[in-house]
PDB file of N, CA and C in Angstrom:
ATOM      1  N   MET A   1     262.772 157.157 204.773  1.00  0.00           N
ATOM      2  CA  MET A   1     263.332 157.466 206.042  1.00  0.00           C
ATOM      3  C   MET A   1     262.950 158.589 207.137  1.00  0.00           C
ATOM      4  N   PRO A   2     262.978 159.175 208.313  1.00  0.00           N
ATOM      5  CA  PRO A   2     262.673 159.949 208.738  1.00  0.00           C
ATOM      6  C   PRO A   2     263.679 160.956 208.690  1.00  0.00           C
ATOM      7  N   GLN A   3     264.995 160.160 208.512  1.00  0.00           N
ATOM      8  CA  GLN A   3     265.565 161.763 208.957  1.00  0.00           C
ATOM      9  C   GLN A   3     266.251 162.183 207.160  1.00  0.00           C
ATOM     10  N   GLU A   4     265.288 161.027 205.719  1.00  0.00           N
ATOM     11  CA  GLU A   4     265.987 161.344 204.389  1.00  0.00           C
ATOM     12  C   GLU A   4     264.860 162.493 204.216  1.00  0.00           C
ATOM     13  N   ARG A   5     264.091 162.431 205.045  1.00  0.00           N
ATOM     14  CA  ARG A   5     262.453 164.013 204.602  1.00  0.00           C
ATOM     15  C   ARG A   5     263.856 164.947 205.257  1.00  0.00           C
ATOM     16  N   VAL A   6     264.453 165.396 206.252  1.00  0.00           N
ATOM     17  CA  VAL A   6     264.789 165.959 206.655  1.00  0.00           C
ATOM     18  C   VAL A   6     266.242 166.732 205.645  1.00  0.00           C
ATOM     19  N   VAL A   7     266.984 165.838 205.118  1.00  0.00           N
ATOM     20  CA  VAL A   7     268.207 166.474 205.090  1.00  0.00           C
ATOM     21  C   VAL A   7     268.097 166.245 203.093  1.00  0.00           C
ATOM     22  N   GLY A   8     267.088 165.197 202.725  1.00  0.00           N
ATOM     23  CA  GLY A   8     267.000 164.648 201.732  1.00  0.00           C
ATOM     24  C   GLY A   8     267.613 164.037 200.668  1.00  0.00           C
ATOM     25  N   ALA A   9     267.700 163.278 199.577  1.00  0.00           N
ATOM     26  CA  ALA A   9     268.735 162.406 198.356  1.00  0.00           C
ATOM     27  C   ALA A   9     268.301 162.978 197.128  1.00  0.00           C
ATOM     28  N   ASP A  10     269.838 162.150 197.472  1.00  0.00           N
ATOM     29  CA  ASP A  10     269.947 161.991 196.014  1.00  0.00           C
ATOM     30  C   ASP A  10     269.661 161.620 194.540  1.00  0.00           C
ATOM     31  N   PHE A  11     268.421 161.353 193.590  1.00  0.00           N
ATOM     32  CA  PHE A  11     268.758 160.609 192.911  1.00  0.00           C
ATOM     33  C   PHE A  11     269.136 160.653 190.979  1.00  0.00           C
ATOM     34  N   LEU A  12     268.725 159.512 190.487  1.00  0.00           N
ATOM     35  CA  LEU A  12     269.520 159.295 189.125  1.00  0.00           C
ATOM     36  C   LEU A  12     267.656 159.118 188.388  1.00  0.00           C
ATOM     37  N   VAL A  13     267.539 158.824 187.281  1.00  0.00           N
ATOM     38  CA  VAL A  13     265.628 159.168 186.902  1.00  0.00           C
ATOM     39  C   VAL A  13     266.527 159.182 185.709  1.00  0.00           C
ATOM     40  N   THR A  14     266.491 158.026 184.381  1.00  0.00           N
ATOM     41  CA  THR A  14     266.846 157.798 183.904  1.00  0.00           C
ATOM     42  C   THR A  14     265.346 156.962 182.389  1.00  0.00           C
ATOM     43  N   VAL A  15     264.863 158.162 181.587  1.00  0.00           N
ATOM     44  CA  VAL A  15     263.491 157.613 180.938  1.00  0.00           C
ATOM     45  C   VAL A  15     264.058 157.082 179.235  1.00  0.00           C
ATOM     46  N   GLU A  16     263.723 155.757 179.132  1.00  0.00           N
ATOM     47  CA  GLU A  16     263.627 155.592 177.970  1.00  0.00           C
ATOM     48  C   GLU A  16     262.198 155.725 177.039  1.00  0.00           C
ATOM     49  N   ALA A  17     262.146 156.141 175.990  1.00  0.00           N
ATOM     50  CA  ALA A  17     260.699 156.608 176.074  1.00  0.00           C
ATOM     51  C   ALA A  17     260.903 156.021 174.277  1.00  0.00           C
ATOM     52  N   GLU A  18     259.695 155.487 174.044  1.00  0.00           N
ATOM     53  CA  GLU A  18     258.956 154.879 172.411  1.00  0.00           C
ATOM     54  C   GLU A  18     258.696 155.695 171.733  1.00  0.00           C
ATOM     55  N   THR A  19     258.184 156.292 170.953  1.00  0.00           N
ATOM     56  CA  THR A  19     257.036 156.281 170.248  1.00  0.00           C
ATOM     57  C   THR A  19     256.742 157.074 168.773  1.00  0.00           C
ATOM     58  N   ASN A  20     256.023 157.181 167.661  1.00  0.00           N
ATOM     59  CA  ASN A  20     256.025 156.823 166.691  1.00  0.00           C
ATOM     60  C   ASN A  20     256.669 158.068 165.941  1.00  0.00           C
ATOM     61  N   GLN A  21     257.506 157.572 165.127  1.00  0.00           N
ATOM     62  CA  GLN A  21     258.340 159.087 164.916  1.00  0.00           C
ATOM     63  C   GLN A  21     257.638 158.789 163.365  1.00  0.00           C
ATOM     64  N   THR A  22     256.988 158.649 163.146  1.00  0.00           N
ATOM     65  CA  THR A  22     256.674 158.919 161.594  1.00  0.00           C
ATOM     66  C   THR A  22     256.352 159.689 161.076  1.00  0.00           C
ATOM     67  N   ALA A  23     256.160 160.776 161.725  1.00  0.00           N
ATOM     68  CA  ALA A  23     255.328 162.041 160.988  1.00  0.00           C
ATOM     69  C   ALA A  23     256.816 162.667 161.510  1.00  0.00           C
ATOM     70  N   SER A  24     257.301 163.009 161.854  1.00  0.00           N
ATOM     71  CA  SER A  24     258.927 163.482 162.274  1.00  0.00           C
ATOM     72  C   SER A  24     259.764 162.970 161.348  1.00  0.00           C
ATOM     73  N   VAL A  25     259.711 162.296 161.179  1.00  0.00           N
ATOM     74  CA  VAL A  25     260.759 161.149 160.568  1.00  0.00           C
ATOM     75  C   VAL A  25     261.082 162.638 159.207  1.00  0.00           C
ATOM     76  N   GLU A  26     259.598 162.369 158.776  1.00  0.00           N
ATOM     77  CA  GLU A  26     259.316 163.141 157.147  1.00  0.00           C
ATOM     78  C   GLU A  26     258.857 164.878 157.653  1.00  0.00           C
ATOM     79  N   SER A  27     258.785 164.942 158.525  1.00  0.00           N
ATOM     80  CA  SER A  27     258.708 166.941 158.161  1.00  0.00           C
ATOM     81  C   SER A  27     260.166 166.966 158.795  1.00  0.00           C
ATOM     82  N   ASP A  28     260.751 166.968 159.875  1.00  0.00           N
ATOM     83  CA  ASP A  28     262.156 168.073 160.501  1.00  0.00           C
ATOM     84  C   ASP A  28     260.918 168.431 161.087  1.00  0.00           C
ATOM     85  N   GLN A  29     260.134 168.549 162.056  1.00  0.00           N
ATOM     86  CA  GLN A  29     259.714 169.621 162.293  1.00  0.00           C
ATOM     87  C   GLN A  29     259.020 169.201 164.406  1.00  0.00           C
ATOM     88  N   LEU A  30     259.521 169.984 164.906  1.00  0.00           N
ATOM     89  CA  LEU A  30     260.176 170.068 166.486  1.00  0.00           C
ATOM     90  C   LEU A  30     258.709 169.455 166.934  1.00  0.00           C
ATOM     91  N   THR A  31     257.321 169.965 166.335  1.00  0.00           N
ATOM     92  CA  THR A  31     256.002 169.726 166.767  1.00  0.00           C
ATOM     93  C   THR A  31     255.205 168.239 166.155  1.00  0.00           C
ATOM     94  N   ASP A  32     256.429 167.768 165.633  1.00  0.00           N
ATOM     95  CA  ASP A  32     255.670 166.096 165.826  1.00  0.00           C
ATOM     96  C   ASP A  32     256.383 165.140 166.340  1.00  0.00           C
ATOM     97  N   THR A  33     257.301 165.746 166.927  1.00  0.00           N
ATOM     98  CA  THR A  33     257.858 164.826 167.938  1.00  0.00           C
ATOM     99  C   THR A  33     257.625 165.213 169.837  1.00  0.00           C
ATOM    100  N   VAL A  34     258.538 164.441 170.729  1.00  0.00           N
ATOM    101  CA  VAL A  34     258.416 164.690 171.588  1.00  0.00           C
ATOM    102  C   VAL A  34     259.551 165.535 172.290  1.00  0.00           C
ATOM    103  N   SER A  35     259.806 166.892 172.329  1.00  0.00           N
ATOM    104  CA  SER A  35     261.156 167.390 173.085  1.00  0.00           C
ATOM    105  C   SER A  35     261.147 166.754 174.580  1.00  0.00           C
ATOM    106  N   TYR A  36     262.618 166.613 174.817  1.00  0.00           N
ATOM    107  CA  TYR A  36     263.476 165.865 176.023  1.00  0.00           C
ATOM    108  C   TYR A  36     263.361 167.107 176.677  1.00  0.00           C
ATOM    109  N   ALA A  37     263.960 167.987 176.213  1.00  0.00           N
ATOM    110  CA  ALA A  37     263.584 169.062 177.337  1.00  0.00           C
ATOM    111  C   ALA A  37     262.294 168.924 177.486  1.00  0.00           C
ATOM    112  N   ASP A  38     261.410 168.780 176.631  1.00  0.00           N
ATOM    113  CA  ASP A  38     259.645 169.158 178.071  1.00  0.00           C
ATOM    114  C   ASP A  38     259.537 168.133 178.368  1.00  0.00           C
ATOM    115  N   MET A  39     259.906 166.786 178.271  1.00  0.00           N
ATOM    116  CA  MET A  39     260.137 166.014 179.310  1.00  0.00           C
ATOM    117  C   MET A  39     260.767 166.079 180.351  1.00  0.00           C
ATOM    118  N   ALA A  40     262.068 166.586 180.460  1.00  0.00           N
ATOM    119  CA  ALA A  40     262.675 166.487 181.623  1.00  0.00           C
ATOM    120  C   ALA A  40     262.413 167.304 182.354  1.00  0.00           C
ATOM    121  N   ASP A  41     261.047 168.998 182.160  1.00  0.00           N
ATOM    122  CA  ASP A  41     260.313 169.566 182.663  1.00  0.00           C
ATOM    123  C   ASP A  41     259.439 168.848 183.493  1.00  0.00           C
ATOM    124  N   THR A  42     258.836 166.985 182.544  1.00  0.00           N
ATOM    125  CA  THR A  42     257.713 166.842 183.761  1.00  0.00           C
ATOM    126  C   THR A  42     258.302 166.104 184.437  1.00  0.00           C
ATOM    127  N   ILE A  43     259.024 165.136 184.442  1.00  0.00           N
ATOM    128  CA  ILE A  43     260.291 164.569 185.469  1.00  0.00           C
ATOM    129  C   ILE A  43     260.638 165.752 186.279  1.00  0.00           C
ATOM    130  N   ARG A  44     260.850 166.332 186.744  1.00  0.00           N
ATOM    131  CA  ARG A  44     261.887 167.549 187.258  1.00  0.00           C
ATOM    132  C   ARG A  44     260.124 167.371 188.099  1.00  0.00           C
ATOM    133  N   GLU A  45     259.606 168.080 188.024  1.00  0.00           N
ATOM    134  CA  GLU A  45     257.947 168.750 188.313  1.00  0.00           C
ATOM    135  C   GLU A  45     257.702 166.761 189.055  1.00  0.00           C
ATOM    136  N   GLU A  46     257.175 165.847 188.749  1.00  0.00           N
ATOM    137  CA  GLU A  46     257.256 164.931 189.596  1.00  0.00           C
ATOM    138  C   GLU A  46     257.644 164.418 190.885  1.00  0.00           C
ATOM    139  N   MET A  47     259.547 164.596 190.003  1.00  0.00           N
ATOM    140  CA  MET A  47     260.077 164.195 191.567  1.00  0.00           C
ATOM    141  C   MET A  47     260.166 165.516 192.513  1.00  0.00           C
ATOM    142  N   SER A  48     259.846 166.813 192.021  1.00  0.00           N
ATOM    143  CA  SER A  48     259.695 167.464 193.478  1.00  0.00           C
ATOM    144  C   SER A  48     258.498 167.113 194.762  1.00  0.00           C
ATOM    145  N   LYS A  49     257.976 165.598 194.024  1.00  0.00           N
ATOM    146  CA  LYS A  49     256.405 166.172 195.172  1.00  0.00           C
ATOM    147  C   LYS A  49     256.679 164.670 196.541  1.00  0.00           C
ATOM    148  N   PRO A  50     256.810 165.315 197.459  1.00  0.00           N
ATOM    149  CA  PRO A  50     257.001 163.941 197.969  1.00  0.00           C
ATOM    150  C   PRO A  50     256.669 162.601 197.983  1.00  0.00           C
ATOM    151  N   SER A  51     257.286 161.579 198.285  1.00  0.00           N
ATOM    152  CA  SER A  51     256.422 159.882 197.855  1.00  0.00           C
ATOM    153  C   SER A  51     257.455 159.162 198.988  1.00  0.00           C
ATOM    154  N   LYS A  52     256.443 158.541 199.569  1.00  0.00           N
ATOM    155  CA  LYS A  52     257.534 157.643 200.542  1.00  0.00           C
ATOM    156  C   LYS A  52     257.928 156.229 199.432  1.00  0.00           C
ATOM    157  N   LEU A  53     257.805 156.054 198.248  1.00  0.00           N
ATOM    158  CA  LEU A  53     258.870 154.676 197.938  1.00  0.00           C
ATOM    159  C   LEU A  53     258.856 154.932 196.422  1.00  0.00           C
ATOM    160  N   LEU A  54     260.051 153.910 196.168  1.00  0.00           N
ATOM    161  CA  LEU A  54     260.261 154.195 194.315  1.00  0.00           C
ATOM    162  C   LEU A  54     259.458 154.447 193.446  1.00  0.00           C
ATOM    163  N   GLU A  55     258.775 152.995 193.456  1.00  0.00           N
ATOM    164  CA  GLU A  55     258.241 152.827 193.194  1.00  0.00           C
ATOM    165  C   GLU A  55     256.431 153.149 192.792  1.00  0.00           C
ATOM    166  N   HIS A  56     256.767 154.590 193.372  1.00  0.00           N
ATOM    167  CA  HIS A  56     255.197 155.119 193.732  1.00  0.00           C
ATOM    168  C   HIS A  56     255.664 156.764 192.759  1.00  0.00           C
ATOM    169  N   VAL A  57     256.974 157.076 192.900  1.00  0.00           N
ATOM    170  CA  VAL A  57     257.504 158.117 191.991  1.00  0.00           C
ATOM    171  C   VAL A  57     257.920 157.624 190.771  1.00  0.00           C
ATOM    172  N   ALA A  58     258.543 156.695 190.155  1.00  0.00           N
ATOM    173  CA  ALA A  58     258.272 155.420 189.040  1.00  0.00           C
ATOM    174  C   ALA A  58     257.348 155.789 188.036  1.00  0.00           C
ATOM    175  N   GLY A  59     256.504 155.341 188.943  1.00  0.00           N
ATOM    176  CA  GLY A  59     255.224 155.227 188.306  1.00  0.00           C
ATOM    177  C   GLY A  59     254.856 156.166 187.656  1.00  0.00           C
ATOM    178  N   ARG A  60     254.740 157.344 188.866  1.00  0.00           N
ATOM    179  CA  ARG A  60     253.912 158.651 188.391  1.00  0.00           C
ATOM    180  C   ARG A  60     254.496 159.124 187.295  1.00  0.00           C
ATOM    181  N   ILE A  61     255.875 159.463 187.218  1.00  0.00           N
ATOM    182  CA  ILE A  61     256.291 159.436 185.879  1.00  0.00           C
ATOM    183  C   ILE A  61     256.242 159.003 185.318  1.00  0.00           C
ATOM    184  N   GLY A  62     255.704 157.781 184.997  1.00  0.00           N
ATOM    185  CA  GLY A  62     255.248 157.216 183.854  1.00  0.00           C
ATOM    186  C   GLY A  62     254.303 158.263 183.366  1.00  0.00           C
ATOM    187  N   HIS A  63     253.445 157.512 184.332  1.00  0.00           N
ATOM    188  CA  HIS A  63     251.993 158.095 183.862  1.00  0.00           C
ATOM    189  C   HIS A  63     251.964 159.189 183.248  1.00  0.00           C
ATOM    190  N   SER A  64     252.656 160.349 183.671  1.00  0.00           N
ATOM    191  CA  SER A  64     252.449 162.000 183.390  1.00  0.00           C
ATOM    192  C   SER A  64     252.697 161.986 182.035  1.00  0.00           C
ATOM    193  N   LEU A  65     253.984 161.446 182.222  1.00  0.00           N
ATOM    194  CA  LEU A  65     254.263 161.932 180.389  1.00  0.00           C
ATOM    195  C   LEU A  65     253.828 160.656 179.495  1.00  0.00           C
ATOM    196  N   LEU A  66     252.709 159.077 179.557  1.00  0.00           N
ATOM    197  CA  LEU A  66     252.003 159.196 178.965  1.00  0.00           C
ATOM    198  C   LEU A  66     250.620 159.958 178.235  1.00  0.00           C
ATOM    199  N   ARG A  67     250.416 160.589 179.775  1.00  0.00           N
ATOM    200  CA  ARG A  67     249.118 161.550 179.899  1.00  0.00           C
ATOM    201  C   ARG A  67     249.608 162.232 178.499  1.00  0.00           C
ATOM    202  N   LYS A  68     250.897 162.882 179.445  1.00  0.00           N
ATOM    203  CA  LYS A  68     251.007 165.281 178.223  1.00  0.00           C
ATOM    204  C   LYS A  68     251.682 164.500 177.056  1.00  0.00           C
ATOM    205  N   TYR A  69     251.885 163.439 176.930  1.00  0.00           N
ATOM    206  CA  TYR A  69     252.498 162.973 175.411  1.00  0.00           C
ATOM    207  C   TYR A  69     251.988 161.945 174.666  1.00  0.00           C
ATOM    208  N   PRO A  70     251.230 162.395 174.030  1.00  0.00           N
ATOM    209  CA  PRO A  70     249.792 161.086 173.486  1.00  0.00           C
ATOM    210  C   PRO A  70     250.863 160.532 172.294  1.00  0.00           C
ATOM    211  N   THR A  71     252.004 160.773 171.910  1.00  0.00           N
ATOM    212  CA  THR A  71     252.207 160.610 170.466  1.00  0.00           C
ATOM    213  C   THR A  71     253.097 158.667 171.455  1.00  0.00           C
ATOM    214  N   LEU A  72     253.416 158.918 172.553  1.00  0.00           N
ATOM    215  CA  LEU A  72     254.548 158.291 172.977  1.00  0.00           C
ATOM    216  C   LEU A  72     253.788 156.861 173.170  1.00  0.00           C
ATOM    217  N   THR A  73     254.391 155.213 173.077  1.00  0.00           N
ATOM    218  CA  THR A  73     253.198 154.410 173.088  1.00  0.00           C
ATOM    219  C   THR A  73     254.075 153.895 174.346  1.00  0.00           C
ATOM    220  N   GLN A  74     255.545 154.077 174.754  1.00  0.00           N
ATOM    221  CA  GLN A  74     255.991 152.979 175.576  1.00  0.00           C
ATOM    222  C   GLN A  74     256.677 153.948 176.341  1.00  0.00           C
ATOM    223  N   VAL A  75     257.345 153.834 177.928  1.00  0.00           N
ATOM    224  CA  VAL A  75     258.167 154.570 178.723  1.00  0.00           C
ATOM    225  C   VAL A  75     258.694 153.756 179.829  1.00  0.00           C
ATOM    226  N   THR A  76     260.000 153.323 179.651  1.00  0.00           N
ATOM    227  CA  THR A  76     260.575 153.090 181.202  1.00  0.00           C
ATOM    228  C   THR A  76     261.367 154.173 181.950  1.00  0.00           C
ATOM    229  N   VAL A  77     260.782 153.486 183.452  1.00  0.00           N
ATOM    230  CA  VAL A  77     261.778 155.055 184.135  1.00  0.00           C
ATOM    231  C   VAL A  77     262.176 154.147 185.097  1.00  0.00           C
ATOM    232  N   ARG A  78     263.381 154.288 185.270  1.00  0.00           N
ATOM    233  CA  ARG A  78     264.514 153.492 185.763  1.00  0.00           C
ATOM    234  C   ARG A  78     264.602 154.726 187.355  1.00  0.00           C
ATOM    235  N   LEU A  79     263.991 154.329 188.393  1.00  0.00           N
ATOM    236  CA  LEU A  79     264.656 155.510 189.722  1.00  0.00           C
ATOM    237  C   LEU A  79     265.620 154.454 190.824  1.00  0.00           C
ATOM    238  N   THR A  80     266.389 155.733 190.464  1.00  0.00           N
ATOM    239  CA  THR A  80     267.864 155.221 191.339  1.00  0.00           C
ATOM    240  C   THR A  80     267.720 155.696 192.993  1.00  0.00           C
ATOM    241  N   LYS A  81     267.874 155.652 193.752  1.00  0.00           N
ATOM    242  CA  LYS A  81     267.923 156.147 195.347  1.00  0.00           C
ATOM    243  C   LYS A  81     270.339 156.177 195.410  1.00  0.00           C
ATOM    244  N   LEU A  82     270.456 156.953 194.923  1.00  0.00           N
ATOM    245  CA  LEU A  82     272.379 156.970 195.674  1.00  0.00           C
ATOM    246  C   LEU A  82     272.835 157.528 196.575  1.00  0.00           C
ATOM    247  N   THR A  83     273.372 156.625 197.136  1.00  0.00           N
ATOM    248  CA  THR A  83     274.073 155.698 198.134  1.00  0.00           C
ATOM    249  C   THR A  83     272.807 155.816 199.325  1.00  0.00           C
ATOM    250  N   PRO A  84     271.469 154.773 198.895  1.00  0.00           N
ATOM    251  CA  PRO A  84     270.671 154.724 200.400  1.00  0.00           C
ATOM    252  C   PRO A  84     271.577 154.347 201.746  1.00  0.00           C
ATOM    253  N   PRO A  85     271.195 154.637 202.583  1.00  0.00           N
ATOM    254  CA  PRO A  85     271.155 154.358 204.321  1.00  0.00           C
ATOM    255  C   PRO A  85     270.647 153.166 204.402  1.00  0.00           C
ATOM    256  N   ILE A  86     271.675 151.955 204.237  1.00  0.00           N
ATOM    257  CA  ILE A  86     271.558 150.809 204.823  1.00  0.00           C
ATOM    258  C   ILE A  86     272.582 150.188 205.186  1.00  0.00           C
ATOM    259  N   ALA A  87     272.019 149.918 206.508  1.00  0.00           N
ATOM    260  CA  ALA A  87     272.916 149.835 207.676  1.00  0.00           C
ATOM    261  C   ALA A  87     274.374 148.503 207.579  1.00  0.00           C
ATOM    262  N   GLY A  88     275.071 148.632 207.548  1.00  0.00           N
ATOM    263  CA  GLY A  88     275.901 147.690 206.854  1.00  0.00           C
ATOM    264  C   GLY A  88     276.228 147.458 205.026  1.00  0.00           C
ATOM    265  N   LEU A  89     276.085 147.974 204.443  1.00  0.00           N
ATOM    266  CA  LEU A  89     276.006 148.120 203.385  1.00  0.00           C
ATOM    267  C   LEU A  89     276.344 149.181 202.811  1.00  0.00           C
ATOM    268  N   GLN A  90     277.379 149.234 201.874  1.00  0.00           N
ATOM    269  CA  GLN A  90     278.122 149.970 201.098  1.00  0.00           C
ATOM    270  C   GLN A  90     277.815 149.882 200.000  1.00  0.00           C
ATOM    271  N   CYS A  91     276.545 150.507 199.135  1.00  0.00           N
ATOM    272  CA  CYS A  91     276.367 150.521 198.003  1.00  0.00           C
ATOM    273  C   CYS A  91     276.759 151.530 197.050  1.00  0.00           C
ATOM    274  N   GLU A  92     276.558 151.829 195.160  1.00  0.00           N
ATOM    275  CA  GLU A  92     276.218 152.968 194.524  1.00  0.00           C
ATOM    276  C   GLU A  92     275.404 153.508 194.798  1.00  0.00           C
ATOM    277  N   GLY A  93     274.036 153.155 195.093  1.00  0.00           N
ATOM    278  CA  GLY A  93     272.388 152.892 194.745  1.00  0.00           C
ATOM    279  C   GLY A  93     271.732 151.914 194.864  1.00  0.00           C
ATOM    280  N   ALA A  94     270.164 152.038 194.891  1.00  0.00           N
ATOM    281  CA  ALA A  94     269.179 150.880 195.679  1.00  0.00           C
ATOM    282  C   ALA A  94     267.396 151.661 194.532  1.00  0.00           C
ATOM    283  N   GLY A  95     267.387 151.214 193.834  1.00  0.00           N
ATOM    284  CA  GLY A  95     266.002 151.372 192.019  1.00  0.00           C
ATOM    285  C   GLY A  95     265.763 150.803 191.996  1.00  0.00           C
ATOM    286  N   VAL A  96     264.510 150.645 191.253  1.00  0.00           N
ATOM    287  CA  VAL A  96     263.384 150.481 190.277  1.00  0.00           C
ATOM    288  C   VAL A  96     263.164 150.679 189.403  1.00  0.00           C
ATOM    289  N   GLU A  97     263.046 150.047 188.570  1.00  0.00           N
ATOM    290  CA  GLU A  97     262.388 149.599 187.014  1.00  0.00           C
ATOM    291  C   GLU A  97     261.405 149.480 186.894  1.00  0.00           C
ATOM    292  N   ILE A  98     260.154 151.050 185.873  1.00  0.00           N
ATOM    293  CA  ILE A  98     258.825 150.626 185.332  1.00  0.00           C
ATOM    294  C   ILE A  98     259.008 150.955 184.473  1.00  0.00           C
ATOM    295  N   SER A  99     258.337 150.232 183.526  1.00  0.00           N
ATOM    296  CA  SER A  99     257.470 149.984 182.043  1.00  0.00           C
ATOM    297  C   SER A  99     256.088 150.140 182.139  1.00  0.00           C
ATOM    298  N   LEU A 100     255.158 151.311 181.268  1.00  0.00           N
ATOM    299  CA  LEU A 100     254.018 151.178 180.915  1.00  0.00           C
ATOM    300  C   LEU A 100     253.948 151.109 179.738  1.00  0.00           C
ATOM    301  N   LYS A 101     252.784 151.230 178.979  1.00  0.00           N
ATOM    302  CA  LYS A 101     252.372 151.080 177.914  1.00  0.00           C
ATOM    303  C   LYS A 101     251.493 151.978 177.451  1.00  0.00           C
ATOM    304  N   SER A 102     251.425 153.046 176.652  1.00  0.00           N
ATOM    305  CA  SER A 102     250.087 153.807 176.377  1.00  0.00           C
ATOM    306  C   SER A 102     249.241 152.381 176.430  1.00  0.00           C
ATOM    307  N   VAL A 103     247.910 153.687 176.478  1.00  0.00           N
ATOM    308  CA  VAL A 103     246.117 153.155 176.444  1.00  0.00           C
ATOM    309  C   VAL A 103     246.436 152.877 175.315  1.00  0.00           C
ATOM    310  N   GLU A 104     246.893 153.074 174.647  1.00  0.00           N
ATOM    311  CA  GLU A 104     245.982 153.004 173.069  1.00  0.00           C
ATOM    312  C   GLU A 104     246.978 151.348 172.409  1.00  0.00           C
ATOM    313  N   GLN A 105     248.216 151.096 172.955  1.00  0.00           N
ATOM    314  CA  GLN A 105     248.472 149.820 173.080  1.00  0.00           C
ATOM    315  C   GLN A 105     247.766 148.982 173.841  1.00  0.00           C
ATOM    316  N   ASN A 106     246.709 148.866 174.372  1.00  0.00           N
ATOM    317  CA  ASN A 106     245.750 148.302 174.537  1.00  0.00           C
ATOM    318  C   ASN A 106     246.477 147.414 176.504  1.00  0.00           C
ATOM    319  N   SER A 107     247.755 148.140 177.069  1.00  0.00           N
ATOM    320  CA  SER A 107     248.551 147.553 177.650  1.00  0.00           C
ATOM    321  C   SER A 107     246.943 148.058 179.668  1.00  0.00           C
ATOM    322  N   VAL A 108     247.047 147.412 180.596  1.00  0.00           N
ATOM    323  CA  VAL A 108     246.650 148.107 181.933  1.00  0.00           C
ATOM    324  C   VAL A 108     247.468 148.530 182.283  1.00  0.00           C
ATOM    325  N   PHE A 109     247.527 149.456 183.049  1.00  0.00           N
ATOM    326  CA  PHE A 109     248.163 149.871 183.840  1.00  0.00           C
ATOM    327  C   PHE A 109     248.451 149.766 185.616  1.00  0.00           C
TER     328      PHE A 109
END
């Protein structure tokens, strides 16, 4: 909405990521896993880009995570706009959930 472009909005982002953990279980090395701090940086980067649709942002986050972290096999992104401006309705949020699999999983994006 035009007003939100001026004043902004608050969002809640939740990401569930599946990864092959075989190497990290054995090695105990950060290089064999995906750092959630690095993933958070990627999410912040994608959230900083203006978009009109929650679906677009959630998909962009998912695709970016799968691209940057090849050990990820699947990501589920839930993006909720907190206190959305819906006339006549008070709610805690409105959002979307998108699940994407890596190309190696033979999935279509």
